[in-house]
Amino acid sequence: MESRPRIKNEEQYEALRDKGYSKEKAARIANTPDSGEKGGKASNYEDRTKKELYEQAKKIGVEGRSKMNKEELIKALRNN
C-alpha cells in the first residue's frame, strides 16, 4: 500500500481526486485550515503588489513565478 502524508479532510481529498486533481494539490486543499468555508476576505489580485502576488504564488507552488510579471502572476494564480 502506498504511504502518503496524513490528510485532515479525507472526504474532501477523495472528492478532489475524483475530480482529477493531483494528489499533491488535493492534499494541499484538504489540509488547508478552514477549507470548504466561504471566503470573500481576499482583495482583488489587481489591487495587490507584485511582491504580494509572488508570495501567494510561492505559497501554492506556482512554478516559474520568479520570471513572471504581475499580469502573468495573476493569470497563474487564477488558473491554480
N, C-alpha and C. Protein backbone atom coordinates (compact mmCIF):
# COMPACT_ATOMS: atom_id res chain seq x y z
N MET A 1 0.83 -1.18 0.00
CA MET A 1 0.00 0.00 0.00
C MET A 1 0.88 1.25 0.00
N GLU A 2 0.49 2.23 -0.77
CA GLU A 2 1.26 3.46 -0.90
C GLU A 2 1.12 4.32 0.35
N SER A 3 2.25 4.83 0.83
CA SER A 3 2.23 5.69 2.01
C SER A 3 2.05 7.14 1.57
N ARG A 4 1.24 7.86 2.30
CA ARG A 4 1.07 9.28 1.99
C ARG A 4 0.93 10.05 3.28
N PRO A 5 1.21 11.35 3.25
CA PRO A 5 1.07 12.16 4.47
C PRO A 5 -0.37 12.14 4.97
N ARG A 6 -0.54 12.44 6.23
CA ARG A 6 -1.87 12.48 6.84
C ARG A 6 -2.72 13.56 6.18
N ILE A 7 -3.94 13.20 5.84
CA ILE A 7 -4.89 14.12 5.23
C ILE A 7 -5.91 14.49 6.31
N LYS A 8 -6.10 15.80 6.52
CA LYS A 8 -7.02 16.26 7.57
C LYS A 8 -8.48 16.07 7.19
N ASN A 9 -8.79 16.23 5.91
CA ASN A 9 -10.18 16.10 5.47
C ASN A 9 -10.22 15.06 4.35
N GLU A 10 -10.30 13.79 4.76
CA GLU A 10 -10.27 12.66 3.80
C GLU A 10 -11.39 12.76 2.76
N GLU A 11 -12.58 13.12 3.20
CA GLU A 11 -13.73 13.20 2.29
C GLU A 11 -13.48 14.23 1.19
N GLN A 12 -12.98 15.40 1.57
CA GLN A 12 -12.69 16.44 0.59
C GLN A 12 -11.54 15.98 -0.33
N TYR A 13 -10.52 15.35 0.25
CA TYR A 13 -9.40 14.86 -0.55
C TYR A 13 -9.88 13.89 -1.63
N GLU A 14 -10.69 12.93 -1.23
CA GLU A 14 -11.19 11.94 -2.20
C GLU A 14 -12.06 12.59 -3.27
N ALA A 15 -12.89 13.57 -2.88
CA ALA A 15 -13.73 14.27 -3.85
C ALA A 15 -12.88 15.03 -4.86
N LEU A 16 -11.81 15.64 -4.39
CA LEU A 16 -10.92 16.38 -5.29
C LEU A 16 -10.18 15.42 -6.23
N ARG A 17 -9.74 14.29 -5.70
CA ARG A 17 -9.07 13.29 -6.54
C ARG A 17 -10.03 12.78 -7.62
N ASP A 18 -11.31 12.57 -7.25
CA ASP A 18 -12.32 12.12 -8.22
C ASP A 18 -12.53 13.14 -9.32
N LYS A 19 -12.32 14.41 -9.00
CA LYS A 19 -12.47 15.49 -9.99
C LYS A 19 -11.23 15.62 -10.87
N GLY A 20 -10.18 14.85 -10.56
CA GLY A 20 -8.98 14.87 -11.39
C GLY A 20 -7.82 15.68 -10.84
N TYR A 21 -7.95 16.19 -9.62
CA TYR A 21 -6.85 16.94 -9.03
C TYR A 21 -5.68 15.99 -8.74
N SER A 22 -4.46 16.51 -8.81
CA SER A 22 -3.30 15.69 -8.48
C SER A 22 -3.32 15.39 -6.98
N LYS A 23 -2.59 14.37 -6.58
CA LYS A 23 -2.52 14.01 -5.16
C LYS A 23 -2.01 15.18 -4.33
N GLU A 24 -0.99 15.87 -4.87
CA GLU A 24 -0.38 16.98 -4.14
C GLU A 24 -1.36 18.13 -3.95
N LYS A 25 -2.04 18.50 -5.04
CA LYS A 25 -2.97 19.63 -4.96
C LYS A 25 -4.16 19.29 -4.08
N ALA A 26 -4.69 18.08 -4.22
CA ALA A 26 -5.83 17.67 -3.40
C ALA A 26 -5.44 17.67 -1.92
N ALA A 27 -4.24 17.22 -1.60
CA ALA A 27 -3.77 17.19 -0.21
C ALA A 27 -3.61 18.60 0.33
N ARG A 28 -3.03 19.50 -0.49
CA ARG A 28 -2.86 20.89 -0.05
C ARG A 28 -4.21 21.52 0.30
N ILE A 29 -5.20 21.30 -0.57
CA ILE A 29 -6.52 21.88 -0.34
C ILE A 29 -7.18 21.26 0.88
N ALA A 30 -7.15 19.93 0.96
CA ALA A 30 -7.81 19.22 2.05
C ALA A 30 -7.15 19.50 3.40
N ASN A 31 -5.89 19.89 3.41
CA ASN A 31 -5.18 20.16 4.65
C ASN A 31 -5.17 21.64 5.02
N THR A 32 -5.78 22.49 4.20
CA THR A 32 -5.84 23.91 4.48
C THR A 32 -6.84 24.17 5.61
N PRO A 33 -6.41 24.95 6.61
CA PRO A 33 -7.38 25.29 7.66
C PRO A 33 -8.57 26.02 7.04
N ASP A 34 -9.74 25.75 7.52
CA ASP A 34 -10.97 26.38 7.03
C ASP A 34 -11.30 26.02 5.59
N SER A 35 -10.72 24.95 5.04
CA SER A 35 -11.05 24.58 3.67
C SER A 35 -12.53 24.24 3.60
N GLY A 36 -13.14 24.65 2.53
CA GLY A 36 -14.56 24.40 2.35
C GLY A 36 -15.45 25.50 2.89
N GLU A 37 -14.85 26.44 3.64
CA GLU A 37 -15.64 27.56 4.14
C GLU A 37 -15.65 28.67 3.11
N LYS A 38 -16.70 29.45 3.11
CA LYS A 38 -16.83 30.56 2.18
C LYS A 38 -15.79 31.60 2.53
N GLY A 39 -15.13 32.11 1.55
CA GLY A 39 -14.08 33.11 1.76
C GLY A 39 -14.61 34.52 1.60
N GLY A 40 -14.06 35.25 0.64
CA GLY A 40 -14.52 36.59 0.35
C GLY A 40 -13.74 37.67 1.06
N LYS A 41 -12.68 37.31 1.78
CA LYS A 41 -11.91 38.31 2.52
C LYS A 41 -10.71 38.81 1.74
N ALA A 42 -10.31 38.10 0.71
CA ALA A 42 -9.12 38.46 -0.05
C ALA A 42 -9.40 39.63 -0.97
N SER A 43 -8.36 40.47 -1.15
CA SER A 43 -8.50 41.59 -2.07
C SER A 43 -8.32 41.09 -3.51
N ASN A 44 -8.76 41.89 -4.47
CA ASN A 44 -8.58 41.53 -5.87
C ASN A 44 -7.09 41.43 -6.19
N TYR A 45 -6.75 40.51 -7.06
CA TYR A 45 -5.34 40.37 -7.44
C TYR A 45 -4.80 41.68 -8.02
N GLU A 46 -5.62 42.37 -8.79
CA GLU A 46 -5.16 43.61 -9.43
C GLU A 46 -4.81 44.69 -8.40
N ASP A 47 -5.39 44.61 -7.20
CA ASP A 47 -5.11 45.60 -6.16
C ASP A 47 -3.88 45.26 -5.34
N ARG A 48 -3.31 44.09 -5.56
CA ARG A 48 -2.13 43.67 -4.80
C ARG A 48 -0.85 44.06 -5.53
N THR A 49 0.23 44.14 -4.76
CA THR A 49 1.53 44.43 -5.37
C THR A 49 2.09 43.17 -6.00
N LYS A 50 3.07 43.34 -6.87
CA LYS A 50 3.71 42.19 -7.50
C LYS A 50 4.34 41.30 -6.42
N LYS A 51 4.92 41.91 -5.40
CA LYS A 51 5.54 41.14 -4.31
C LYS A 51 4.50 40.29 -3.58
N GLU A 52 3.32 40.86 -3.32
CA GLU A 52 2.26 40.11 -2.66
C GLU A 52 1.80 38.94 -3.53
N LEU A 53 1.67 39.19 -4.82
CA LEU A 53 1.27 38.13 -5.75
C LEU A 53 2.33 37.03 -5.80
N TYR A 54 3.60 37.45 -5.82
CA TYR A 54 4.70 36.49 -5.84
C TYR A 54 4.66 35.60 -4.59
N GLU A 55 4.44 36.21 -3.43
CA GLU A 55 4.39 35.44 -2.18
C GLU A 55 3.23 34.45 -2.19
N GLN A 56 2.08 34.86 -2.73
CA GLN A 56 0.94 33.95 -2.83
C GLN A 56 1.27 32.79 -3.78
N ALA A 57 1.90 33.12 -4.91
CA ALA A 57 2.29 32.09 -5.87
C ALA A 57 3.29 31.12 -5.25
N LYS A 58 4.20 31.64 -4.45
CA LYS A 58 5.19 30.81 -3.76
C LYS A 58 4.49 29.87 -2.79
N LYS A 59 3.51 30.40 -2.06
CA LYS A 59 2.78 29.63 -1.06
C LYS A 59 2.07 28.43 -1.67
N ILE A 60 1.54 28.60 -2.89
CA ILE A 60 0.80 27.50 -3.51
C ILE A 60 1.62 26.70 -4.52
N GLY A 61 2.90 27.08 -4.68
CA GLY A 61 3.80 26.29 -5.51
C GLY A 61 3.72 26.53 -7.01
N VAL A 62 3.46 27.77 -7.43
CA VAL A 62 3.44 28.09 -8.86
C VAL A 62 4.87 28.04 -9.39
N GLU A 63 5.07 27.21 -10.40
CA GLU A 63 6.41 27.09 -10.99
C GLU A 63 6.68 28.23 -11.95
N GLY A 64 7.93 28.69 -12.00
CA GLY A 64 8.33 29.76 -12.91
C GLY A 64 7.95 31.14 -12.43
N ARG A 65 7.50 31.27 -11.19
CA ARG A 65 7.00 32.55 -10.68
C ARG A 65 8.05 33.65 -10.67
N SER A 66 9.31 33.30 -10.49
CA SER A 66 10.35 34.33 -10.38
C SER A 66 10.56 35.08 -11.69
N LYS A 67 10.15 34.48 -12.80
CA LYS A 67 10.32 35.13 -14.10
C LYS A 67 9.04 35.81 -14.59
N MET A 68 7.97 35.76 -13.78
CA MET A 68 6.68 36.30 -14.21
C MET A 68 6.52 37.77 -13.84
N ASN A 69 5.81 38.50 -14.72
CA ASN A 69 5.44 39.86 -14.38
C ASN A 69 4.11 39.80 -13.62
N LYS A 70 3.61 40.96 -13.22
CA LYS A 70 2.40 41.00 -12.39
C LYS A 70 1.22 40.34 -13.10
N GLU A 71 1.01 40.64 -14.37
CA GLU A 71 -0.11 40.07 -15.11
C GLU A 71 0.00 38.55 -15.23
N GLU A 72 1.20 38.05 -15.44
CA GLU A 72 1.42 36.61 -15.54
C GLU A 72 1.18 35.92 -14.19
N LEU A 73 1.59 36.59 -13.10
CA LEU A 73 1.34 36.04 -11.77
C LEU A 73 -0.17 35.94 -11.50
N ILE A 74 -0.90 36.98 -11.88
CA ILE A 74 -2.37 36.97 -11.69
C ILE A 74 -2.99 35.81 -12.46
N LYS A 75 -2.57 35.65 -13.72
CA LYS A 75 -3.12 34.57 -14.55
C LYS A 75 -2.79 33.20 -13.93
N ALA A 76 -1.55 33.03 -13.47
CA ALA A 76 -1.14 31.76 -12.87
C ALA A 76 -1.92 31.47 -11.58
N LEU A 77 -2.15 32.49 -10.78
CA LEU A 77 -2.91 32.30 -9.53
C LEU A 77 -4.35 31.96 -9.82
N ARG A 78 -4.93 32.56 -10.82
CA ARG A 78 -6.32 32.28 -11.15
C ARG A 78 -6.50 30.89 -11.75
N ASN A 79 -5.47 30.37 -12.38
CA ASN A 79 -5.56 29.06 -13.02
C ASN A 79 -5.10 27.93 -12.11
N ASN A 80 -4.72 28.26 -10.90
CA ASN A 80 -4.25 27.23 -9.97
C ASN A 80 -5.31 26.82 -9.02
